[in-house]
Every structure is written in C-alpha cells, then in structure tokens.
C-alpha atoms as a PDB file:
ATOM      1  CA  UNK A   1      -0.058   0.018  -0.227  1.00  0.00           C
ATOM      2  CA  UNK A   2       0.992   3.448  -0.870  1.00  0.00           C
ATOM      3  CA  UNK A   3       1.892   5.895   1.675  1.00  0.00           C
ATOM      4  CA  UNK A   4       0.116   9.109   1.602  1.00  0.00           C
ATOM      5  CA  UNK A   5       1.558  12.528   0.664  1.00  0.00           C
ATOM      6  CA  UNK A   6       1.538  15.157   3.042  1.00  0.00           C
ATOM      7  CA  UNK A   7       2.800  18.683   2.533  1.00  0.00           C
ATOM      8  CA  UNK A   8       2.968  21.067   5.333  1.00  0.00           C
ATOM      9  CA  UNK A   9       2.937  24.816   4.440  1.00  0.00           C
ATOM     10  CA  UNK A  10       5.276  26.987   5.300  1.00  0.00           C
ATOM     11  CA  UNK A  11       3.688  30.605   6.924  1.00  0.00           C
ATOM     12  CA  UNK A  12       5.850  33.114   5.811  1.00  0.00           C
ATOM     13  CA  UNK A  13       5.004  36.803   6.627  1.00  0.00           C
ATOM     14  CA  UNK A  14       5.894  38.849   3.151  1.00  0.00           C
ATOM     15  CA  UNK A  15       5.986  42.048   5.555  1.00  0.00           C
ATOM     16  CA  UNK A  16       8.620  40.368   7.681  1.00  0.00           C
ATOM     17  CA  UNK A  17      10.619  39.149   4.404  1.00  0.00           C
ATOM     18  CA  UNK A  18      10.551  43.127   2.867  1.00  0.00           C
ATOM     19  CA  UNK A  19      12.039  46.048   4.487  1.00  0.00           C
ATOM     20  CA  UNK A  20      10.240  47.491   6.624  1.00  0.00           C
ATOM     21  CA  UNK A  21       9.128  51.032   5.126  1.00  0.00           C
ATOM     22  CA  UNK A  22       9.309  54.321   7.150  1.00  0.00           C
ATOM     23  CA  UNK A  23       6.313  56.094   7.825  1.00  0.00           C
ATOM     24  CA  UNK A  24       5.682  58.751   5.354  1.00  0.00           C
ATOM     25  CA  UNK A  25       6.106  61.740   6.781  1.00  0.00           C
ATOM     26  CA  UNK A  26       3.134  64.628   6.690  1.00  0.00           C
ATOM     27  CA  UNK A  27       3.756  68.088   6.158  1.00  0.00           C
ATOM     28  CA  UNK A  28       1.528  70.519   5.427  1.00  0.00           C
ATOM     29  CA  UNK A  29       1.744  72.660   2.317  1.00  0.00           C
ATOM     30  CA  UNK A  30      -0.833  75.441   1.865  1.00  0.00           C
ATOM     31  CA  UNK A  31      -2.649  75.486  -0.971  1.00  0.00           C
ATOM     32  CA  UNK A  32      -2.663  78.914  -3.179  1.00  0.00           C
ATOM     33  CA  UNK A  33      -5.874  81.003  -3.071  1.00  0.00           C
ATOM     34  CA  UNK A  34      -8.246  79.278  -5.570  1.00  0.00           C
ATOM     35  CA  UNK A  35      -9.055  82.064  -8.179  1.00  0.00           C
ATOM     36  CA  UNK A  36     -12.797  83.211  -8.089  1.00  0.00           C
ATOM     37  CA  UNK A  37     -14.725  82.831 -10.914  1.00  0.00           C
ATOM     38  CA  UNK A  38     -16.950  85.433 -11.824  1.00  0.00           C
ATOM     39  CA  UNK A  39     -20.197  85.513 -14.667  1.00  0.00           C
ATOM     40  CA  UNK A  40     -17.933  87.614 -16.390  1.00  0.00           C
ATOM     41  CA  UNK A  41     -15.169  85.811 -16.600  1.00  0.00           C
ATOM     42  CA  UNK A  42     -13.864  85.018 -20.512  1.00  0.00           C
ATOM     43  CA  UNK A  43     -11.930  82.137 -19.682  1.00  0.00           C
ATOM     44  CA  UNK A  44     -14.297  79.923 -19.093  1.00  0.00           C
ATOM     45  CA  UNK A  45     -14.795  77.174 -21.456  1.00  0.00           C
ATOM     46  CA  UNK A  46     -17.960  76.208 -23.235  1.00  0.00           C
ATOM     47  CA  UNK A  47     -18.879  72.194 -22.257  1.00  0.00           C
ATOM     48  CA  UNK A  48     -19.884  69.895 -25.242  1.00  0.00           C
ATOM     49  CA  UNK A  49     -23.371  70.038 -24.241  1.00  0.00           C
ATOM     50  CA  UNK A  50     -23.682  73.785 -24.612  1.00  0.00           C
ATOM     51  CA  UNK A  51     -21.613  73.977 -27.863  1.00  0.00           C
ATOM     52  CA  UNK A  52     -23.914  70.975 -29.324  1.00  0.00           C
ATOM     53  CA  UNK A  53     -26.890  72.835 -28.475  1.00  0.00           C
ATOM     54  CA  UNK A  54     -25.508  76.302 -29.482  1.00  0.00           C
ATOM     55  CA  UNK A  55     -24.343  74.281 -33.349  1.00  0.00           C
ATOM     56  CA  UNK A  56     -27.728  72.984 -33.280  1.00  0.00           C
ATOM     57  CA  UNK A  57     -29.301  76.472 -32.448  1.00  0.00           C
ATOM     58  CA  UNK A  58     -27.766  77.744 -35.746  1.00  0.00           C
ATOM     59  CA  UNK A  59     -28.152  74.969 -37.816  1.00  0.00           C
ATOM     60  CA  UNK A  60     -31.690  74.684 -39.874  1.00  0.00           C
ATOM     61  CA  UNK A  61     -31.632  70.660 -39.959  1.00  0.00           C
ATOM     62  CA  UNK A  62     -31.062  68.279 -37.622  1.00  0.00           C
ATOM     63  CA  UNK A  63     -27.429  66.724 -37.283  1.00  0.00           C
ATOM     64  CA  UNK A  64     -25.531  63.648 -35.860  1.00  0.00           C
ATOM     65  CA  UNK A  65     -22.822  63.742 -33.463  1.00  0.00           C
ATOM     66  CA  UNK A  66     -19.764  63.401 -36.138  1.00  0.00           C
ATOM     67  CA  UNK A  67     -21.092  66.191 -37.743  1.00  0.00           C
ATOM     68  CA  UNK A  68     -21.678  68.484 -34.559  1.00  0.00           C
ATOM     69  CA  UNK A  69     -18.219  67.508 -33.126  1.00  0.00           C
ATOM     70  CA  UNK A  70     -16.603  69.040 -37.049  1.00  0.00           C
ATOM     71  CA  UNK A  71     -18.740  71.997 -36.839  1.00  0.00           C
ATOM     72  CA  UNK A  72     -17.659  73.029 -33.077  1.00  0.00           C
ATOM     73  CA  UNK A  73     -14.254  72.470 -33.763  1.00  0.00           C
ATOM     74  CA  UNK A  74     -14.419  74.827 -36.802  1.00  0.00           C
ATOM     75  CA  UNK A  75     -16.005  77.718 -34.987  1.00  0.00           C
ATOM     76  CA  UNK A  76     -14.148  76.891 -32.245  1.00  0.00           C
ATOM     77  CA  UNK A  77     -16.907  76.668 -29.435  1.00  0.00           C
ATOM     78  CA  UNK A  78     -15.397  73.242 -28.253  1.00  0.00           C
ATOM     79  CA  UNK A  79     -11.949  70.954 -29.425  1.00  0.00           C
ATOM     80  CA  UNK A  80     -11.814  67.737 -27.974  1.00  0.00           C
ATOM     81  CA  UNK A  81      -9.167  67.850 -25.194  1.00  0.00           C
ATOM     82  CA  UNK A  82      -7.560  64.544 -27.532  1.00  0.00           C
ATOM     83  CA  UNK A  83     -10.468  61.879 -27.295  1.00  0.00           C
ATOM     84  CA  UNK A  84     -10.191  59.346 -29.887  1.00  0.00           C
ATOM     85  CA  UNK A  85     -14.159  58.894 -30.792  1.00  0.00           C
ATOM     86  CA  UNK A  86     -15.714  62.556 -29.152  1.00  0.00           C
ATOM     87  CA  UNK A  87     -18.615  61.990 -31.198  1.00  0.00           C
ATOM     88  CA  UNK A  88     -19.649  58.881 -29.298  1.00  0.00           C
ATOM     89  CA  UNK A  89     -19.026  60.681 -26.287  1.00  0.00           C
ATOM     90  CA  UNK A  90     -21.247  63.543 -27.121  1.00  0.00           C
ATOM     91  CA  UNK A  91     -23.716  60.612 -28.506  1.00  0.00           C
ATOM     92  CA  UNK A  92     -23.829  59.425 -25.377  1.00  0.00           C
ATOM     93  CA  UNK A  93     -23.917  62.448 -23.473  1.00  0.00           C
ATOM     94  CA  UNK A  94     -27.145  63.554 -25.287  1.00  0.00           C
ATOM     95  CA  UNK A  95     -29.269  60.694 -24.962  1.00  0.00           C
ATOM     96  CA  UNK A  96     -28.255  60.512 -21.140  1.00  0.00           C
ATOM     97  CA  UNK A  97     -29.882  64.044 -21.347  1.00  0.00           C
ATOM     98  CA  UNK A  98     -32.997  63.083 -22.846  1.00  0.00           C
ATOM     99  CA  UNK A  99     -33.760  60.230 -20.642  1.00  0.00           C
ATOM    100  CA  UNK A 100     -32.785  62.108 -17.878  1.00  0.00           C
ATOM    101  CA  UNK A 101     -34.511  65.468 -17.972  1.00  0.00           C
ATOM    102  CA  UNK A 102     -37.286  64.266 -20.499  1.00  0.00           C
ATOM    103  CA  UNK A 103     -39.761  66.891 -21.557  1.00  0.00           C
ATOM    104  CA  UNK A 104     -37.350  69.490 -20.151  1.00  0.00           C
ATOM    105  CA  UNK A 105     -34.331  68.201 -22.084  1.00  0.00           C
ATOM    106  CA  UNK A 106     -32.668  70.535 -24.550  1.00  0.00           C
ATOM    107  CA  UNK A 107     -32.408  67.805 -27.353  1.00  0.00           C
ATOM    108  CA  UNK A 108     -34.571  65.585 -29.334  1.00  0.00           C
ATOM    109  CA  UNK A 109     -34.092  62.774 -31.469  1.00  0.00           C
ATOM    110  CA  UNK A 110     -35.263  63.977 -34.550  1.00  0.00           C
ATOM    111  CA  UNK A 111     -34.332  60.358 -36.468  1.00  0.00           C
ATOM    112  CA  UNK A 112     -31.382  57.677 -36.059  1.00  0.00           C
ATOM    113  CA  UNK A 113     -28.665  59.556 -35.298  1.00  0.00           C
ATOM    114  CA  UNK A 114     -30.112  62.650 -35.961  1.00  0.00           C
ATOM    115  CA  UNK A 115     -31.003  65.768 -32.951  1.00  0.00           C
ATOM    116  CA  UNK A 116     -32.532  68.804 -33.174  1.00  0.00           C
ATOM    117  CA  UNK A 117     -33.026  71.428 -30.146  1.00  0.00           C
ATOM    118  CA  UNK A 118     -36.484  71.110 -28.434  1.00  0.00           C
ATOM    119  CA  UNK A 119     -38.465  73.888 -28.836  1.00  0.00           C
END
C-alpha cells in the first residue's frame, strides 16, 4: 500500500521578508488661494453639450454627433481634449440628457442618430 503524501505549508509573512518602510512624513503645504470665477470671466470654457446646443441652434436641419463635433471645432466653440471618439461621447451625453430630463431636455431625437433642439 502506498503512503499518503502530506505537505506542510511554510507560513512566512511577506511583511517580515521585505524591508520595513518608514512612515511617510506628513507635511502640510498651503495651497494657493483659488481664483474666484465670476460670471464675466472670459476664460470659462464651454462644455460639449452647450456647444452642441449652440451649433444646433445655428443649424436649420437636424445633425448627427459627428457633424456637430466637426462644426464645434471649426467655429471654435469646443475642441476635443485628445479623445479618440468625441462623437461617441457627445452622442451618449445627449441621449443621457434626453433620458434624465425628458421633456425639459434641450435636445430631441429627430431620426436615427439625428438630433435637433427642443422647441
């Protein structure tokens, strides 16, 4: 009859095996005073949804998200901060606004992938 193999686990903690780190020094740095933004600030950037509403207001027909992104960039209202698919992000944001705000939304889905302003 064969003998049964048994293994024993060695319990070593990794903490004891590695060097102990010294506690992080806590230093308090004073943050510079935040600039107060006023309503008249010219440096405030427009959001993608606000820019899309402005582009749709200037347009006479319904537009898809890709066309809105192109027109927003051409007119200087909004530019993508480096994303690969800003049109997909804009589309999702418009759909989300329509779903959450309902009839009070700025946008209305006119056709498949096409949006207009809510009147």
